Amino acid sequence: MNLEDLLKNNLIKKVNPDFKQINLQIVRAKKDLETAKSLMTKDLTWALTIIYHSMLRISRAMMYSKGFLPTTKNTHKTIVEFTKYTLGTDFYNLINRFDRLRRLRHNFIYESENNITLSEVNRAMELAKELFIKIEEIIIKENPQKNLFL
C-alpha cells in the first residue's frame, strides 16, 4: 500500500510534525525495550509484546516526523504499512517480521496464546534495534535542526 492509498482509505491523516511528541515516542520506545529485556526471564510473551509496542512507538515517531498519523481504523496494521512504504524494499524482511510480531501480539492479547520462545524474543529484540537505528537516521536526516533524543 502506498501513501496515496493510505490517505484515500482514511487510514492516515495529515498533521503538523510535533517534535515534542516525536521525542516522547522515542524516549518511551527505548524504555519499553529496557522493560522487555527485564521481563525476558519472567514472561517471554509479555516481553515480546512490549518489544512489538516499542517498534510501534518508534514507527509512530517517524510518522509524526513526516506529518502523518494513523486514524483509529486498523491503527497497528496501518503503522506497519506506513513503515513498509517509508523504508522501502531494502527493508522488506524487517517489515515482514514486524508484521509477524503484530500478529503474535494480537494472538496473545485476544486469544491468550502463550507459546513464545526465548529465541523469538531475542530475534525480536535485534529486529527492534535495527528498526530504531534506521528510523532515528531518517528522523535526524529530515529534521537536523530539531533537538531530538533528549
N, C-alpha and C. Protein backbone atom coordinates (compact mmCIF):
# COMPACT_ATOMS: atom_id res chain seq x y z
N MET A 1 0.85 -1.18 0.00
CA MET A 1 0.00 0.00 0.00
C MET A 1 0.90 1.23 0.00
N ASN A 2 0.58 2.20 -0.84
CA ASN A 2 1.39 3.41 -0.89
C ASN A 2 0.71 4.54 -0.11
N LEU A 3 1.39 5.67 -0.05
CA LEU A 3 0.91 6.82 0.72
C LEU A 3 -0.47 7.27 0.25
N GLU A 4 -0.67 7.34 -1.05
CA GLU A 4 -1.96 7.78 -1.59
C GLU A 4 -3.09 6.83 -1.17
N ASP A 5 -2.81 5.52 -1.19
CA ASP A 5 -3.81 4.54 -0.76
C ASP A 5 -4.16 4.71 0.71
N LEU A 6 -3.13 4.92 1.53
CA LEU A 6 -3.36 5.10 2.97
C LEU A 6 -4.23 6.34 3.22
N LEU A 7 -3.96 7.42 2.50
CA LEU A 7 -4.77 8.64 2.65
C LEU A 7 -6.18 8.44 2.10
N LYS A 8 -6.28 7.87 0.90
CA LYS A 8 -7.57 7.68 0.25
C LYS A 8 -8.49 6.77 1.08
N ASN A 9 -7.92 5.75 1.70
CA ASN A 9 -8.70 4.82 2.52
C ASN A 9 -8.90 5.31 3.95
N ASN A 10 -8.53 6.56 4.20
CA ASN A 10 -8.71 7.18 5.51
C ASN A 10 -8.02 6.38 6.62
N LEU A 11 -6.84 5.84 6.31
CA LEU A 11 -6.07 5.10 7.30
C LEU A 11 -5.04 5.99 7.99
N ILE A 12 -4.65 7.08 7.30
CA ILE A 12 -3.76 8.07 7.89
C ILE A 12 -4.32 9.46 7.63
N LYS A 13 -3.86 10.42 8.44
CA LYS A 13 -4.26 11.81 8.22
C LYS A 13 -3.03 12.69 8.31
N LYS A 14 -3.09 13.83 7.61
CA LYS A 14 -2.01 14.80 7.64
C LYS A 14 -2.07 15.57 8.96
N VAL A 15 -0.92 15.80 9.56
CA VAL A 15 -0.79 16.62 10.76
C VAL A 15 0.51 17.41 10.64
N ASN A 16 0.63 18.44 11.45
CA ASN A 16 1.90 19.15 11.52
C ASN A 16 2.85 18.33 12.38
N PRO A 17 4.12 18.21 11.96
CA PRO A 17 5.07 17.47 12.80
C PRO A 17 5.11 18.05 14.20
N ASP A 18 5.06 17.20 15.18
CA ASP A 18 5.06 17.61 16.58
C ASP A 18 6.33 17.04 17.22
N PHE A 19 7.36 17.87 17.31
CA PHE A 19 8.66 17.39 17.74
C PHE A 19 8.69 16.99 19.21
N LYS A 20 7.84 17.58 20.02
CA LYS A 20 7.73 17.14 21.41
C LYS A 20 7.18 15.72 21.43
N GLN A 21 6.14 15.46 20.64
CA GLN A 21 5.54 14.13 20.60
C GLN A 21 6.51 13.10 19.99
N ILE A 22 7.26 13.51 18.99
CA ILE A 22 8.26 12.62 18.40
C ILE A 22 9.25 12.18 19.47
N ASN A 23 9.75 13.14 20.22
CA ASN A 23 10.71 12.84 21.27
C ASN A 23 10.09 11.94 22.35
N LEU A 24 8.87 12.24 22.75
CA LEU A 24 8.20 11.41 23.76
C LEU A 24 8.06 9.97 23.28
N GLN A 25 7.70 9.79 22.01
CA GLN A 25 7.56 8.44 21.45
C GLN A 25 8.90 7.69 21.46
N ILE A 26 9.96 8.39 21.09
CA ILE A 26 11.29 7.77 21.04
C ILE A 26 11.76 7.38 22.44
N VAL A 27 11.61 8.30 23.37
CA VAL A 27 12.05 8.03 24.75
C VAL A 27 11.27 6.84 25.33
N ARG A 28 9.96 6.82 25.12
CA ARG A 28 9.15 5.73 25.65
C ARG A 28 9.47 4.40 24.95
N ALA A 29 9.72 4.46 23.66
CA ALA A 29 10.06 3.24 22.92
C ALA A 29 11.35 2.62 23.46
N LYS A 30 12.32 3.46 23.77
CA LYS A 30 13.58 2.96 24.34
C LYS A 30 13.35 2.36 25.73
N LYS A 31 12.52 3.02 26.51
CA LYS A 31 12.21 2.49 27.85
C LYS A 31 11.47 1.16 27.73
N ASP A 32 10.60 1.04 26.74
CA ASP A 32 9.89 -0.22 26.52
C ASP A 32 10.87 -1.35 26.24
N LEU A 33 11.92 -1.09 25.46
CA LEU A 33 12.91 -2.14 25.20
C LEU A 33 13.63 -2.56 26.49
N GLU A 34 13.94 -1.58 27.33
CA GLU A 34 14.57 -1.91 28.61
C GLU A 34 13.64 -2.76 29.47
N THR A 35 12.38 -2.39 29.48
CA THR A 35 11.39 -3.15 30.26
C THR A 35 11.26 -4.57 29.72
N ALA A 36 11.20 -4.70 28.41
CA ALA A 36 11.10 -6.02 27.80
C ALA A 36 12.30 -6.89 28.17
N LYS A 37 13.48 -6.28 28.15
CA LYS A 37 14.68 -7.03 28.50
C LYS A 37 14.60 -7.56 29.92
N SER A 38 14.10 -6.74 30.83
CA SER A 38 14.00 -7.18 32.23
C SER A 38 12.94 -8.27 32.42
N LEU A 39 11.98 -8.34 31.51
CA LEU A 39 10.91 -9.35 31.60
C LEU A 39 11.29 -10.69 30.96
N MET A 40 12.36 -10.72 30.22
CA MET A 40 12.71 -11.92 29.46
C MET A 40 12.92 -13.15 30.34
N THR A 41 13.26 -12.97 31.59
CA THR A 41 13.44 -14.13 32.48
C THR A 41 12.15 -14.51 33.18
N LYS A 42 11.12 -13.68 33.06
CA LYS A 42 9.87 -13.92 33.79
C LYS A 42 8.70 -14.29 32.88
N ASP A 43 8.57 -13.58 31.75
CA ASP A 43 7.40 -13.78 30.88
C ASP A 43 7.76 -13.43 29.44
N LEU A 44 8.06 -14.45 28.67
CA LEU A 44 8.50 -14.25 27.29
C LEU A 44 7.43 -13.61 26.41
N THR A 45 6.19 -13.98 26.63
CA THR A 45 5.12 -13.45 25.78
C THR A 45 4.93 -11.96 26.01
N TRP A 46 4.94 -11.54 27.29
CA TRP A 46 4.82 -10.10 27.56
C TRP A 46 6.06 -9.36 27.05
N ALA A 47 7.23 -9.97 27.20
CA ALA A 47 8.45 -9.33 26.70
C ALA A 47 8.33 -9.09 25.20
N LEU A 48 7.88 -10.08 24.46
CA LEU A 48 7.72 -9.93 23.02
C LEU A 48 6.68 -8.86 22.69
N THR A 49 5.61 -8.84 23.43
CA THR A 49 4.55 -7.84 23.22
C THR A 49 5.08 -6.43 23.45
N ILE A 50 5.88 -6.26 24.46
CA ILE A 50 6.45 -4.94 24.75
C ILE A 50 7.47 -4.54 23.68
N ILE A 51 8.25 -5.49 23.19
CA ILE A 51 9.18 -5.20 22.09
C ILE A 51 8.40 -4.73 20.88
N TYR A 52 7.34 -5.43 20.57
CA TYR A 52 6.49 -5.02 19.43
C TYR A 52 5.97 -3.59 19.64
N HIS A 53 5.50 -3.29 20.85
CA HIS A 53 4.98 -1.94 21.12
C HIS A 53 6.07 -0.88 21.01
N SER A 54 7.30 -1.22 21.36
CA SER A 54 8.38 -0.25 21.20
C SER A 54 8.60 0.03 19.71
N MET A 55 8.48 -1.00 18.89
CA MET A 55 8.62 -0.82 17.44
C MET A 55 7.47 0.02 16.89
N LEU A 56 6.31 -0.19 17.44
CA LEU A 56 5.14 0.59 17.04
C LEU A 56 5.37 2.07 17.39
N ARG A 57 5.91 2.32 18.57
CA ARG A 57 6.16 3.71 19.00
C ARG A 57 7.21 4.40 18.13
N ILE A 58 8.31 3.70 17.83
CA ILE A 58 9.35 4.34 17.02
C ILE A 58 8.83 4.59 15.61
N SER A 59 8.01 3.69 15.12
CA SER A 59 7.40 3.90 13.80
C SER A 59 6.41 5.05 13.83
N ARG A 60 5.71 5.18 14.91
CA ARG A 60 4.77 6.30 15.08
C ARG A 60 5.54 7.62 15.13
N ALA A 61 6.71 7.62 15.77
CA ALA A 61 7.55 8.82 15.81
C ALA A 61 7.94 9.22 14.39
N MET A 62 8.26 8.22 13.56
CA MET A 62 8.60 8.52 12.17
C MET A 62 7.40 9.11 11.44
N MET A 63 6.22 8.55 11.70
CA MET A 63 5.01 9.09 11.07
C MET A 63 4.82 10.55 11.45
N TYR A 64 4.94 10.86 12.74
CA TYR A 64 4.83 12.25 13.20
C TYR A 64 5.83 13.14 12.47
N SER A 65 7.06 12.65 12.35
CA SER A 65 8.10 13.48 11.74
C SER A 65 7.82 13.76 10.27
N LYS A 66 7.07 12.90 9.62
CA LYS A 66 6.72 13.08 8.22
C LYS A 66 5.37 13.78 8.05
N GLY A 67 4.73 14.14 9.18
CA GLY A 67 3.48 14.89 9.12
C GLY A 67 2.25 14.03 8.92
N PHE A 68 2.27 12.80 9.48
CA PHE A 68 1.12 11.91 9.37
C PHE A 68 0.87 11.22 10.70
N LEU A 69 -0.36 10.79 10.87
CA LEU A 69 -0.76 9.95 12.00
C LEU A 69 -1.78 8.94 11.51
N PRO A 70 -1.82 7.77 12.14
CA PRO A 70 -2.87 6.82 11.76
C PRO A 70 -4.22 7.29 12.30
N THR A 71 -5.27 6.93 11.61
CA THR A 71 -6.61 7.18 12.15
C THR A 71 -6.93 6.02 13.09
N THR A 72 -8.14 5.96 13.58
CA THR A 72 -8.50 4.90 14.52
C THR A 72 -8.84 3.59 13.83
N LYS A 73 -8.83 3.57 12.52
CA LYS A 73 -9.18 2.38 11.75
C LYS A 73 -7.92 1.55 11.47
N ASN A 74 -7.85 0.33 12.01
CA ASN A 74 -6.70 -0.57 11.78
C ASN A 74 -5.36 0.08 12.12
N THR A 75 -5.28 0.69 13.27
CA THR A 75 -4.12 1.50 13.63
C THR A 75 -2.80 0.74 13.55
N HIS A 76 -2.70 -0.42 14.17
CA HIS A 76 -1.43 -1.14 14.20
C HIS A 76 -1.00 -1.56 12.80
N LYS A 77 -1.92 -2.11 12.05
CA LYS A 77 -1.61 -2.54 10.68
C LYS A 77 -1.21 -1.33 9.82
N THR A 78 -1.89 -0.22 10.02
CA THR A 78 -1.58 1.00 9.26
C THR A 78 -0.17 1.48 9.57
N ILE A 79 0.24 1.46 10.82
CA ILE A 79 1.59 1.89 11.18
C ILE A 79 2.63 0.98 10.52
N VAL A 80 2.37 -0.31 10.53
CA VAL A 80 3.29 -1.24 9.86
C VAL A 80 3.34 -0.94 8.36
N GLU A 81 2.18 -0.71 7.74
CA GLU A 81 2.13 -0.41 6.30
C GLU A 81 2.85 0.90 5.98
N PHE A 82 2.67 1.92 6.81
CA PHE A 82 3.36 3.20 6.60
C PHE A 82 4.87 3.01 6.70
N THR A 83 5.29 2.22 7.67
CA THR A 83 6.72 1.94 7.85
C THR A 83 7.26 1.19 6.64
N LYS A 84 6.50 0.25 6.15
CA LYS A 84 6.89 -0.50 4.95
C LYS A 84 7.04 0.44 3.76
N TYR A 85 6.08 1.31 3.57
CA TYR A 85 6.13 2.28 2.48
C TYR A 85 7.34 3.20 2.62
N THR A 86 7.58 3.69 3.83
CA THR A 86 8.65 4.66 4.07
C THR A 86 10.04 4.04 3.92
N LEU A 87 10.23 2.86 4.47
CA LEU A 87 11.56 2.25 4.43
C LEU A 87 11.87 1.60 3.08
N GLY A 88 10.85 1.19 2.37
CA GLY A 88 11.05 0.64 1.02
C GLY A 88 11.49 -0.81 1.00
N THR A 89 11.78 -1.27 -0.20
CA THR A 89 12.05 -2.68 -0.43
C THR A 89 13.34 -3.19 0.20
N ASP A 90 14.28 -2.31 0.50
CA ASP A 90 15.52 -2.75 1.17
C ASP A 90 15.24 -3.33 2.55
N PHE A 91 14.11 -2.98 3.12
CA PHE A 91 13.77 -3.43 4.46
C PHE A 91 12.58 -4.39 4.46
N TYR A 92 12.39 -5.06 3.35
CA TYR A 92 11.25 -5.98 3.19
C TYR A 92 11.20 -7.04 4.30
N ASN A 93 12.33 -7.70 4.57
CA ASN A 93 12.36 -8.75 5.60
C ASN A 93 12.08 -8.19 6.99
N LEU A 94 12.66 -7.05 7.29
CA LEU A 94 12.44 -6.42 8.59
C LEU A 94 10.96 -6.12 8.79
N ILE A 95 10.32 -5.56 7.78
CA ILE A 95 8.91 -5.19 7.90
C ILE A 95 8.03 -6.43 7.98
N ASN A 96 8.36 -7.47 7.25
CA ASN A 96 7.59 -8.71 7.35
C ASN A 96 7.66 -9.29 8.75
N ARG A 97 8.83 -9.21 9.35
CA ARG A 97 8.98 -9.71 10.72
C ARG A 97 8.22 -8.81 11.71
N PHE A 98 8.26 -7.50 11.47
CA PHE A 98 7.49 -6.55 12.28
C PHE A 98 6.00 -6.90 12.20
N ASP A 99 5.52 -7.18 11.01
CA ASP A 99 4.12 -7.55 10.83
C ASP A 99 3.80 -8.88 11.51
N ARG A 100 4.74 -9.81 11.48
CA ARG A 100 4.53 -11.09 12.18
C ARG A 100 4.41 -10.85 13.69
N LEU A 101 5.23 -9.96 14.22
CA LEU A 101 5.13 -9.62 15.65
C LEU A 101 3.77 -9.01 15.96
N ARG A 102 3.25 -8.22 15.03
CA ARG A 102 1.92 -7.64 15.21
C ARG A 102 0.87 -8.75 15.37
N ARG A 103 0.97 -9.77 14.54
CA ARG A 103 0.01 -10.88 14.61
C ARG A 103 0.20 -11.70 15.89
N LEU A 104 1.45 -11.93 16.29
CA LEU A 104 1.70 -12.66 17.53
C LEU A 104 1.15 -11.90 18.73
N ARG A 105 1.35 -10.61 18.74
CA ARG A 105 0.81 -9.77 19.82
C ARG A 105 -0.72 -9.85 19.84
N HIS A 106 -1.33 -9.80 18.67
CA HIS A 106 -2.79 -9.90 18.56
C HIS A 106 -3.27 -11.23 19.15
N ASN A 107 -2.60 -12.31 18.79
CA ASN A 107 -3.00 -13.63 19.31
C ASN A 107 -2.85 -13.71 20.82
N PHE A 108 -1.84 -13.09 21.35
CA PHE A 108 -1.65 -13.09 22.80
C PHE A 108 -2.73 -12.25 23.49
N ILE A 109 -2.95 -11.05 23.01
CA ILE A 109 -3.91 -10.15 23.65
C ILE A 109 -5.34 -10.67 23.54
N TYR A 110 -5.72 -11.15 22.38
CA TYR A 110 -7.12 -11.51 22.15
C TYR A 110 -7.42 -13.01 22.26
N GLU A 111 -6.39 -13.85 22.13
CA GLU A 111 -6.62 -15.30 22.20
C GLU A 111 -5.86 -15.95 23.35
N SER A 112 -5.11 -15.15 24.09
CA SER A 112 -4.32 -15.61 25.24
C SER A 112 -3.32 -16.71 24.89
N GLU A 113 -2.79 -16.68 23.67
CA GLU A 113 -1.76 -17.65 23.29
C GLU A 113 -0.45 -17.29 23.98
N ASN A 114 0.25 -18.29 24.49
CA ASN A 114 1.48 -18.09 25.27
C ASN A 114 2.58 -19.04 24.83
N ASN A 115 2.86 -19.13 23.58
CA ASN A 115 3.84 -20.12 23.12
C ASN A 115 5.07 -19.46 22.47
N ILE A 116 5.60 -18.46 23.11
CA ILE A 116 6.76 -17.71 22.60
C ILE A 116 8.04 -18.31 23.18
N THR A 117 9.06 -18.42 22.36
CA THR A 117 10.34 -18.97 22.82
C THR A 117 11.35 -17.84 23.07
N LEU A 118 12.38 -18.18 23.82
CA LEU A 118 13.44 -17.21 24.10
C LEU A 118 14.13 -16.77 22.81
N SER A 119 14.33 -17.68 21.88
CA SER A 119 14.99 -17.29 20.62
C SER A 119 14.12 -16.31 19.84
N GLU A 120 12.80 -16.46 19.89
CA GLU A 120 11.90 -15.50 19.22
C GLU A 120 12.03 -14.12 19.86
N VAL A 121 12.11 -14.08 21.17
CA VAL A 121 12.24 -12.80 21.87
C VAL A 121 13.59 -12.16 21.55
N ASN A 122 14.64 -12.95 21.53
CA ASN A 122 15.96 -12.41 21.19
C ASN A 122 16.00 -11.88 19.76
N ARG A 123 15.39 -12.59 18.82
CA ARG A 123 15.33 -12.12 17.43
C ARG A 123 14.51 -10.83 17.34
N ALA A 124 13.41 -10.77 18.09
CA ALA A 124 12.57 -9.56 18.09
C ALA A 124 13.34 -8.37 18.64
N MET A 125 14.14 -8.59 19.67
CA MET A 125 14.94 -7.51 20.25
C MET A 125 15.94 -6.98 19.22
N GLU A 126 16.60 -7.88 18.50
CA GLU A 126 17.54 -7.46 17.46
C GLU A 126 16.82 -6.72 16.34
N LEU A 127 15.66 -7.20 15.97
CA LEU A 127 14.85 -6.54 14.95
C LEU A 127 14.48 -5.13 15.39
N ALA A 128 14.05 -4.98 16.63
CA ALA A 128 13.68 -3.67 17.16
C ALA A 128 14.87 -2.72 17.11
N LYS A 129 16.04 -3.20 17.49
CA LYS A 129 17.23 -2.35 17.46
C LYS A 129 17.56 -1.91 16.04
N GLU A 130 17.41 -2.82 15.08
CA GLU A 130 17.65 -2.47 13.68
C GLU A 130 16.66 -1.42 13.20
N LEU A 131 15.40 -1.58 13.57
CA LEU A 131 14.37 -0.62 13.18
C LEU A 131 14.65 0.75 13.81
N PHE A 132 15.04 0.76 15.08
CA PHE A 132 15.37 2.01 15.77
C PHE A 132 16.46 2.76 15.04
N ILE A 133 17.54 2.06 14.69
CA ILE A 133 18.67 2.71 14.03
C ILE A 133 18.21 3.37 12.73
N LYS A 134 17.46 2.64 11.92
CA LYS A 134 17.03 3.16 10.63
C LYS A 134 16.08 4.35 10.81
N ILE A 135 15.13 4.23 11.70
CA ILE A 135 14.15 5.31 11.87
C ILE A 135 14.79 6.55 12.49
N GLU A 136 15.68 6.37 13.45
CA GLU A 136 16.36 7.53 14.01
C GLU A 136 17.19 8.24 12.94
N GLU A 137 17.83 7.48 12.06
CA GLU A 137 18.57 8.08 10.94
C GLU A 137 17.65 8.95 10.09
N ILE A 138 16.49 8.41 9.77
CA ILE A 138 15.53 9.13 8.92
C ILE A 138 15.06 10.41 9.61
N ILE A 139 14.69 10.31 10.87
CA ILE A 139 14.17 11.48 11.59
C ILE A 139 15.24 12.57 11.70
N ILE A 140 16.46 12.18 12.05
CA ILE A 140 17.53 13.16 12.19
C ILE A 140 17.89 13.77 10.84
N LYS A 141 17.96 12.96 9.80
CA LYS A 141 18.30 13.46 8.47
C LYS A 141 17.26 14.46 7.97
N GLU A 142 16.00 14.17 8.19
CA GLU A 142 14.93 15.04 7.70
C GLU A 142 14.66 16.23 8.60
N ASN A 143 15.15 16.19 9.83
CA ASN A 143 14.88 17.27 10.80
C ASN A 143 16.15 17.62 11.57
N PRO A 144 17.24 17.97 10.89
CA PRO A 144 18.52 18.18 11.59
C PRO A 144 18.49 19.37 12.55
N GLN A 145 17.56 20.28 12.36
CA GLN A 145 17.51 21.47 13.22
C GLN A 145 16.85 21.21 14.55
N LYS A 146 16.19 20.07 14.70
CA LYS A 146 15.45 19.79 15.93
C LYS A 146 16.33 19.02 16.91
N ASN A 147 16.21 19.35 18.18
CA ASN A 147 16.96 18.67 19.22
C ASN A 147 16.15 17.49 19.73
N LEU A 148 16.37 16.35 19.09
CA LEU A 148 15.65 15.15 19.46
C LEU A 148 16.51 14.25 20.33
N PHE A 149 15.93 13.21 20.84
CA PHE A 149 16.62 12.17 21.60
C PHE A 149 17.25 12.71 22.87
N LEU A 150 16.47 13.49 23.60
CA LEU A 150 16.98 14.05 24.87
C LEU A 150 17.14 12.98 25.92
